Amino acid sequence: MRVLKTARLFTALLALGLTAGCGTVTAVRALRKGESAVALSAGGPVARLSGMDIPFPYAVARYRYGLNDRTGLYVGSHLSFAGLAVIAIDGGFSHQFLTQKRGVPAVSASAGLLAGVKPGDGQVLFPEVDLVASYLFGDRLLAYFGGQSIYQLSATPYAVIAPLVGAETRLGRSFSLSLEAEWYAPFEKTKPRNVNYLLPVGGRGAVGFVLGVNYHFGGWYEQE
């Protein structure tokens, strides 16, 4: 019976989390040692929901902390799972491998786990990996591109990949807004799906948008 319950939890998480996405990319650039940042994002593939054509309302809140000037940790809460009576959190580490030099972008990667727990109905874990390259223009605009991915390793192996482009604009010393365009599941057929996605590319996947609100304690990014 517990196996069946866990299977139903897998289905619910896959339908929402792996299809809608995981919010904005986890970490575009490293924070400085001892500094932290919080972010709230919402969005996903454009779909017809309740008669409206809008990005899927998938919401994520995250906290990041700089362990040193290259490596940090993060923890987040996937708020949209609350509608399924599921507690969903993620956490892991990020590392910036390259700094921006002339035409070479900064490059960062994040790796962690998304955990879902439904009281009395089992729990699941999904590894997640982000890879992103970025360019900082002056002290107001950070442009980036890369991809998100999330994996199911138990039961039937499964992966969802989402190439993305985005930008983060500083509006104050520590406050910024970010906007991403993502192509969710580009290797999968858009139809048939339980959700009516409206922006496939060549009949594959779905294009979506994610808006993020960010606050950096200690100030925004600096030129490297």
C-alpha atoms as a PDB file:
ATOM      1  CA  MET A   1       0.000   0.000   0.000  1.00  0.00           C
ATOM      2  CA  ARG A   2       2.848   2.401   0.814  1.00  0.00           C
ATOM      3  CA  VAL A   3       4.381   1.723  -2.614  1.00  0.00           C
ATOM      4  CA  LEU A   4       1.113   2.761  -4.260  1.00  0.00           C
ATOM      5  CA  LYS A   5       0.907   5.910  -2.133  1.00  0.00           C
ATOM      6  CA  THR A   6       4.485   6.860  -2.999  1.00  0.00           C
ATOM      7  CA  ALA A   7       3.736   6.289  -6.686  1.00  0.00           C
ATOM      8  CA  ARG A   8       0.820   8.715  -6.442  1.00  0.00           C
ATOM      9  CA  LEU A   9       3.116  11.267  -4.791  1.00  0.00           C
ATOM     10  CA  PHE A  10       5.630  10.835  -7.636  1.00  0.00           C
ATOM     11  CA  THR A  11       2.841  11.504 -10.130  1.00  0.00           C
ATOM     12  CA  ALA A  12       1.698  14.652  -8.333  1.00  0.00           C
ATOM     13  CA  LEU A  13       5.225  16.056  -8.052  1.00  0.00           C
ATOM     14  CA  LEU A  14       6.057  15.258 -11.641  1.00  0.00           C
ATOM     15  CA  ALA A  15       2.837  16.865 -12.885  1.00  0.00           C
ATOM     16  CA  LEU A  16       3.492  20.109 -11.024  1.00  0.00           C
ATOM     17  CA  GLY A  17       7.187  20.423 -10.281  1.00  0.00           C
ATOM     18  CA  LEU A  18       8.847  18.796 -13.288  1.00  0.00           C
ATOM     19  CA  THR A  19       6.411  20.285 -15.781  1.00  0.00           C
ATOM     20  CA  ALA A  20       6.072  23.774 -14.354  1.00  0.00           C
ATOM     21  CA  GLY A  21       9.725  24.276 -13.504  1.00  0.00           C
ATOM     22  CA  CYS A  22      11.679  25.286 -10.418  1.00  0.00           C
ATOM     23  CA  GLY A  23      11.441  29.078 -10.320  1.00  0.00           C
ATOM     24  CA  THR A  24      14.280  31.295 -11.453  1.00  0.00           C
ATOM     25  CA  VAL A  25      17.742  29.783 -11.809  1.00  0.00           C
ATOM     26  CA  THR A  26      19.200  29.041  -8.370  1.00  0.00           C
ATOM     27  CA  ALA A  27      22.399  31.125  -8.469  1.00  0.00           C
ATOM     28  CA  VAL A  28      23.559  33.236 -11.416  1.00  0.00           C
ATOM     29  CA  ARG A  29      26.691  34.454  -9.633  1.00  0.00           C
ATOM     30  CA  ALA A  30      28.425  33.792  -6.329  1.00  0.00           C
ATOM     31  CA  LEU A  31      27.793  35.981  -3.316  1.00  0.00           C
ATOM     32  CA  ARG A  32      30.694  37.366  -1.338  1.00  0.00           C
ATOM     33  CA  LYS A  33      31.797  35.499   1.786  1.00  0.00           C
ATOM     34  CA  GLY A  34      29.316  35.914   4.620  1.00  0.00           C
ATOM     35  CA  GLU A  35      26.715  37.697   2.493  1.00  0.00           C
ATOM     36  CA  SER A  36      23.227  36.418   1.800  1.00  0.00           C
ATOM     37  CA  ALA A  37      20.261  36.989  -0.501  1.00  0.00           C
ATOM     38  CA  VAL A  38      16.592  36.096  -0.641  1.00  0.00           C
ATOM     39  CA  ALA A  39      14.454  35.628  -3.740  1.00  0.00           C
ATOM     40  CA  LEU A  40      10.795  35.044  -4.506  1.00  0.00           C
ATOM     41  CA  SER A  41       9.858  33.904  -8.009  1.00  0.00           C
ATOM     42  CA  ALA A  42       6.702  32.841  -9.805  1.00  0.00           C
ATOM     43  CA  GLY A  43       5.949  31.604 -13.294  1.00  0.00           C
ATOM     44  CA  GLY A  44       6.264  28.692 -15.679  1.00  0.00           C
ATOM     45  CA  PRO A  45       5.087  27.558 -19.120  1.00  0.00           C
ATOM     46  CA  VAL A  46       2.369  29.693 -20.696  1.00  0.00           C
ATOM     47  CA  ALA A  47      -0.873  27.741 -20.437  1.00  0.00           C
ATOM     48  CA  ARG A  48      -4.630  28.216 -20.522  1.00  0.00           C
ATOM     49  CA  LEU A  49      -5.767  28.186 -16.913  1.00  0.00           C
ATOM     50  CA  SER A  50      -9.308  29.098 -15.819  1.00  0.00           C
ATOM     51  CA  GLY A  51      -9.930  30.694 -19.211  1.00  0.00           C
ATOM     52  CA  MET A  52      -6.795  32.883 -19.099  1.00  0.00           C
ATOM     53  CA  ASP A  53      -3.532  32.547 -21.042  1.00  0.00           C
ATOM     54  CA  ILE A  54      -0.874  33.044 -18.360  1.00  0.00           C
ATOM     55  CA  PRO A  55       2.431  31.558 -17.197  1.00  0.00           C
ATOM     56  CA  PHE A  56       1.854  28.589 -14.892  1.00  0.00           C
ATOM     57  CA  PRO A  57       1.716  30.109 -11.355  1.00  0.00           C
ATOM     58  CA  TYR A  58       4.569  28.086  -9.818  1.00  0.00           C
ATOM     59  CA  ALA A  59       6.081  29.936  -6.837  1.00  0.00           C
ATOM     60  CA  VAL A  60       9.441  29.387  -5.112  1.00  0.00           C
ATOM     61  CA  ALA A  61      11.112  31.231  -2.205  1.00  0.00           C
ATOM     62  CA  ARG A  62      14.890  30.797  -1.727  1.00  0.00           C
ATOM     63  CA  TYR A  63      17.691  31.869   0.591  1.00  0.00           C
ATOM     64  CA  ARG A  64      21.384  31.886  -0.384  1.00  0.00           C
ATOM     65  CA  TYR A  65      24.516  32.328   1.720  1.00  0.00           C
ATOM     66  CA  GLY A  66      28.109  32.836   0.609  1.00  0.00           C
ATOM     67  CA  LEU A  67      30.520  30.362   2.204  1.00  0.00           C
ATOM     68  CA  ASN A  68      33.373  32.107   0.414  1.00  0.00           C
ATOM     69  CA  ASP A  69      33.687  34.353  -2.636  1.00  0.00           C
ATOM     70  CA  ARG A  70      33.112  31.416  -5.021  1.00  0.00           C
ATOM     71  CA  THR A  71      30.947  28.858  -3.183  1.00  0.00           C
ATOM     72  CA  GLY A  72      27.591  29.181  -1.471  1.00  0.00           C
ATOM     73  CA  LEU A  73      24.652  27.180  -0.225  1.00  0.00           C
ATOM     74  CA  TYR A  74      20.939  27.589  -0.829  1.00  0.00           C
ATOM     75  CA  VAL A  75      17.630  26.391   0.578  1.00  0.00           C
ATOM     76  CA  GLY A  76      14.186  26.964  -0.861  1.00  0.00           C
ATOM     77  CA  SER A  77      10.504  26.301  -0.379  1.00  0.00           C
ATOM     78  CA  HIS A  78       8.303  25.351  -3.345  1.00  0.00           C
ATOM     79  CA  LEU A  79       5.147  27.147  -2.291  1.00  0.00           C
ATOM     80  CA  SER A  80       2.838  25.853  -5.029  1.00  0.00           C
ATOM     81  CA  PHE A  81       2.971  22.328  -3.628  1.00  0.00           C
ATOM     82  CA  ALA A  82       0.910  23.487  -0.654  1.00  0.00           C
ATOM     83  CA  GLY A  83      -2.193  23.087  -2.829  1.00  0.00           C
ATOM     84  CA  LEU A  84      -1.421  19.361  -2.990  1.00  0.00           C
ATOM     85  CA  ALA A  85      -0.859  19.154   0.784  1.00  0.00           C
ATOM     86  CA  VAL A  86       2.821  18.443   0.026  1.00  0.00           C
ATOM     87  CA  ILE A  87       5.799  19.962   1.848  1.00  0.00           C
ATOM     88  CA  ALA A  88       8.433  20.590  -0.835  1.00  0.00           C
ATOM     89  CA  ILE A  89      11.871  22.054  -0.155  1.00  0.00           C
ATOM     90  CA  ASP A  90      15.175  22.078  -1.973  1.00  0.00           C
ATOM     91  CA  GLY A  91      18.741  22.704  -0.928  1.00  0.00           C
ATOM     92  CA  GLY A  92      22.276  22.378  -2.159  1.00  0.00           C
ATOM     93  CA  PHE A  93      25.448  24.185  -3.143  1.00  0.00           C
ATOM     94  CA  SER A  94      26.511  26.566  -5.889  1.00  0.00           C
ATOM     95  CA  HIS A  95      29.970  27.354  -7.206  1.00  0.00           C
ATOM     96  CA  GLN A  96      31.266  29.969  -9.627  1.00  0.00           C
ATOM     97  CA  PHE A  97      33.946  28.384 -11.794  1.00  0.00           C
ATOM     98  CA  LEU A  98      34.893  31.346 -13.992  1.00  0.00           C
ATOM     99  CA  THR A  99      34.934  35.100 -13.520  1.00  0.00           C
ATOM    100  CA  GLN A 100      34.001  37.530 -16.273  1.00  0.00           C
ATOM    101  CA  LYS A 101      36.996  38.690 -18.317  1.00  0.00           C
ATOM    102  CA  ARG A 102      36.536  40.676 -21.510  1.00  0.00           C
ATOM    103  CA  GLY A 103      34.363  38.487 -23.733  1.00  0.00           C
ATOM    104  CA  VAL A 104      34.455  35.462 -21.432  1.00  0.00           C
ATOM    105  CA  PRO A 105      31.367  35.206 -19.215  1.00  0.00           C
ATOM    106  CA  ALA A 106      31.236  34.212 -15.589  1.00  0.00           C
ATOM    107  CA  VAL A 107      30.101  30.582 -15.250  1.00  0.00           C
ATOM    108  CA  SER A 108      28.312  29.082 -12.258  1.00  0.00           C
ATOM    109  CA  ALA A 109      26.700  25.757 -11.417  1.00  0.00           C
ATOM    110  CA  SER A 110      24.312  24.640  -8.687  1.00  0.00           C
ATOM    111  CA  ALA A 111      23.518  21.121  -7.529  1.00  0.00           C
ATOM    112  CA  GLY A 112      21.110  19.903  -4.890  1.00  0.00           C
ATOM    113  CA  LEU A 113      17.995  17.925  -4.064  1.00  0.00           C
ATOM    114  CA  LEU A 114      14.280  18.668  -4.233  1.00  0.00           C
ATOM    115  CA  ALA A 115      12.430  16.791  -1.480  1.00  0.00           C
ATOM    116  CA  GLY A 116       8.683  16.264  -1.345  1.00  0.00           C
ATOM    117  CA  VAL A 117       6.854  14.936   1.689  1.00  0.00           C
ATOM    118  CA  LYS A 118       3.127  14.310   1.954  1.00  0.00           C
ATOM    119  CA  PRO A 119       2.224  13.333   5.533  1.00  0.00           C
ATOM    120  CA  GLY A 120       0.950   9.759   5.541  1.00  0.00           C
ATOM    121  CA  ASP A 121       1.570   9.346   1.810  1.00  0.00           C
ATOM    122  CA  GLY A 122       5.334   8.913   1.357  1.00  0.00           C
ATOM    123  CA  GLN A 123       8.305  11.029   0.305  1.00  0.00           C
ATOM    124  CA  VAL A 124      10.458  11.477  -2.781  1.00  0.00           C
ATOM    125  CA  LEU A 125      13.795  13.060  -3.753  1.00  0.00           C
ATOM    126  CA  PHE A 126      14.768  14.596  -7.089  1.00  0.00           C
ATOM    127  CA  PRO A 127      18.353  15.712  -7.896  1.00  0.00           C
ATOM    128  CA  GLU A 128      18.538  19.114  -9.594  1.00  0.00           C
ATOM    129  CA  VAL A 129      21.364  20.845 -11.474  1.00  0.00           C
ATOM    130  CA  ASP A 130      21.637  24.380 -12.913  1.00  0.00           C
ATOM    131  CA  LEU A 131      24.375  25.704 -15.215  1.00  0.00           C
ATOM    132  CA  VAL A 132      24.501  29.380 -16.191  1.00  0.00           C
ATOM    133  CA  ALA A 133      26.852  31.882 -17.850  1.00  0.00           C
ATOM    134  CA  SER A 134      26.470  35.606 -17.216  1.00  0.00           C
ATOM    135  CA  TYR A 135      27.658  39.074 -18.204  1.00  0.00           C
ATOM    136  CA  LEU A 136      27.484  42.051 -15.851  1.00  0.00           C
ATOM    137  CA  PHE A 137      26.983  45.381 -17.653  1.00  0.00           C
ATOM    138  CA  GLY A 138      27.918  48.292 -15.409  1.00  0.00           C
ATOM    139  CA  ASP A 139      26.281  48.208 -11.997  1.00  0.00           C
ATOM    140  CA  ARG A 140      22.647  47.816 -13.070  1.00  0.00           C
ATOM    141  CA  LEU A 141      22.187  44.903 -15.467  1.00  0.00           C
ATOM    142  CA  LEU A 142      23.146  41.218 -15.261  1.00  0.00           C
ATOM    143  CA  ALA A 143      22.316  39.167 -18.386  1.00  0.00           C
ATOM    144  CA  TYR A 144      22.599  35.390 -18.377  1.00  0.00           C
ATOM    145  CA  PHE A 145      21.846  32.170 -20.236  1.00  0.00           C
ATOM    146  CA  GLY A 146      22.043  28.475 -19.445  1.00  0.00           C
ATOM    147  CA  GLY A 147      19.716  25.756 -18.279  1.00  0.00           C
ATOM    148  CA  GLN A 148      17.934  24.040 -15.415  1.00  0.00           C
ATOM    149  CA  SER A 149      17.453  20.302 -15.014  1.00  0.00           C
ATOM    150  CA  ILE A 150      15.718  17.976 -12.585  1.00  0.00           C
ATOM    151  CA  TYR A 151      15.880  14.183 -12.458  1.00  0.00           C
ATOM    152  CA  GLN A 152      13.879  11.196 -11.277  1.00  0.00           C
ATOM    153  CA  LEU A 153      16.342   8.361 -10.646  1.00  0.00           C
ATOM    154  CA  SER A 154      14.081   5.813  -8.937  1.00  0.00           C
ATOM    155  CA  ALA A 155      11.223   3.971 -10.657  1.00  0.00           C
ATOM    156  CA  THR A 156      11.491   4.902 -14.366  1.00  0.00           C
ATOM    157  CA  PRO A 157      14.491   7.252 -14.890  1.00  0.00           C
ATOM    158  CA  TYR A 158      13.276  10.605 -16.148  1.00  0.00           C
ATOM    159  CA  ALA A 159      14.737  14.073 -16.679  1.00  0.00           C
ATOM    160  CA  VAL A 160      13.361  17.494 -17.534  1.00  0.00           C
ATOM    161  CA  ILE A 161      15.714  20.095 -19.005  1.00  0.00           C
ATOM    162  CA  ALA A 162      14.904  23.780 -19.516  1.00  0.00           C
ATOM    163  CA  PRO A 163      17.255  26.033 -21.539  1.00  0.00           C
ATOM    164  CA  LEU A 164      16.843  29.673 -20.483  1.00  0.00           C
ATOM    165  CA  VAL A 165      17.849  33.284 -21.014  1.00  0.00           C
ATOM    166  CA  GLY A 166      17.302  35.971 -18.431  1.00  0.00           C
ATOM    167  CA  ALA A 167      18.245  39.320 -16.988  1.00  0.00           C
ATOM    168  CA  GLU A 168      18.400  40.818 -13.510  1.00  0.00           C
ATOM    169  CA  THR A 169      18.062  44.581 -13.102  1.00  0.00           C
ATOM    170  CA  ARG A 170      19.127  46.427  -9.960  1.00  0.00           C
ATOM    171  CA  LEU A 171      16.566  48.979  -8.807  1.00  0.00           C
ATOM    172  CA  GLY A 172      18.277  50.015  -5.576  1.00  0.00           C
ATOM    173  CA  ARG A 173      21.396  49.256  -3.560  1.00  0.00           C
ATOM    174  CA  SER A 174      20.179  45.748  -2.737  1.00  0.00           C
ATOM    175  CA  PHE A 175      16.833  45.273  -4.491  1.00  0.00           C
ATOM    176  CA  SER A 176      16.505  43.798  -7.999  1.00  0.00           C
ATOM    177  CA  LEU A 177      14.011  42.230 -10.390  1.00  0.00           C
ATOM    178  CA  SER A 178      14.734  39.295 -12.689  1.00  0.00           C
ATOM    179  CA  LEU A 179      12.900  37.914 -15.695  1.00  0.00           C
ATOM    180  CA  GLU A 180      13.603  34.611 -17.436  1.00  0.00           C
ATOM    181  CA  ALA A 181      12.321  32.999 -20.603  1.00  0.00           C
ATOM    182  CA  GLU A 182      12.599  29.205 -20.532  1.00  0.00           C
ATOM    183  CA  TRP A 183      11.909  26.387 -22.953  1.00  0.00           C
ATOM    184  CA  TYR A 184      10.616  23.582 -20.754  1.00  0.00           C
ATOM    185  CA  ALA A 185      11.151  19.946 -21.821  1.00  0.00           C
ATOM    186  CA  PRO A 186      12.391  20.697 -25.374  1.00  0.00           C
ATOM    187  CA  PHE A 187      12.820  16.988 -26.168  1.00  0.00           C
ATOM    188  CA  GLU A 188       9.236  16.043 -25.317  1.00  0.00           C
ATOM    189  CA  LYS A 189       6.084  16.342 -27.392  1.00  0.00           C
ATOM    190  CA  THR A 190       3.810  19.129 -26.191  1.00  0.00           C
ATOM    191  CA  LYS A 191       0.637  17.105 -26.721  1.00  0.00           C
ATOM    192  CA  PRO A 192      -1.115  15.187 -25.325  1.00  0.00           C
ATOM    193  CA  ARG A 193      -0.847  16.826 -21.878  1.00  0.00           C
ATOM    194  CA  ASN A 194      -3.262  17.364 -19.018  1.00  0.00           C
ATOM    195  CA  VAL A 195      -2.366  21.073 -19.180  1.00  0.00           C
ATOM    196  CA  ASN A 196      -2.945  23.018 -22.407  1.00  0.00           C
ATOM    197  CA  TYR A 197       0.469  24.630 -23.057  1.00  0.00           C
ATOM    198  CA  LEU A 198       0.241  27.432 -25.605  1.00  0.00           C
ATOM    199  CA  LEU A 199       3.808  28.151 -26.733  1.00  0.00           C
ATOM    200  CA  PRO A 200       5.490  24.977 -27.996  1.00  0.00           C
ATOM    201  CA  VAL A 201       8.508  25.144 -30.310  1.00  0.00           C
ATOM    202  CA  GLY A 202       8.077  22.798 -33.263  1.00  0.00           C
ATOM    203  CA  GLY A 203       5.549  20.800 -31.260  1.00  0.00           C
ATOM    204  CA  ARG A 204       8.075  20.218 -28.491  1.00  0.00           C
ATOM    205  CA  GLY A 205       8.004  21.389 -24.896  1.00  0.00           C
ATOM    206  CA  ALA A 206       6.598  24.744 -23.868  1.00  0.00           C
ATOM    207  CA  VAL A 207       7.955  28.276 -23.587  1.00  0.00           C
ATOM    208  CA  GLY A 208       7.352  30.075 -20.313  1.00  0.00           C
ATOM    209  CA  PHE A 209       8.343  33.078 -18.253  1.00  0.00           C
ATOM    210  CA  VAL A 210       9.408  33.479 -14.620  1.00  0.00           C
ATOM    211  CA  LEU A 211       9.504  36.770 -12.700  1.00  0.00           C
ATOM    212  CA  GLY A 212      11.722  37.089  -9.649  1.00  0.00           C
ATOM    213  CA  VAL A 213      12.087  39.628  -6.830  1.00  0.00           C
ATOM    214  CA  ASN A 214      15.507  39.619  -5.137  1.00  0.00           C
ATOM    215  CA  TYR A 215      17.114  41.278  -2.130  1.00  0.00           C
ATOM    216  CA  HIS A 216      20.878  41.097  -1.556  1.00  0.00           C
ATOM    217  CA  PHE A 217      21.973  41.764   2.024  1.00  0.00           C
ATOM    218  CA  GLY A 218      25.197  43.729   1.789  1.00  0.00           C
ATOM    219  CA  GLY A 219      24.669  45.100  -1.711  1.00  0.00           C
ATOM    220  CA  TRP A 220      24.405  43.846  -5.284  1.00  0.00           C
ATOM    221  CA  TYR A 221      27.037  42.181  -7.501  1.00  0.00           C
ATOM    222  CA  GLU A 222      30.253  44.018  -8.299  1.00  0.00           C
ATOM    223  CA  GLN A 223      32.479  43.940 -11.365  1.00  0.00           C
ATOM    224  CA  GLU A 224      35.094  41.194 -10.960  1.00  0.00           C
END
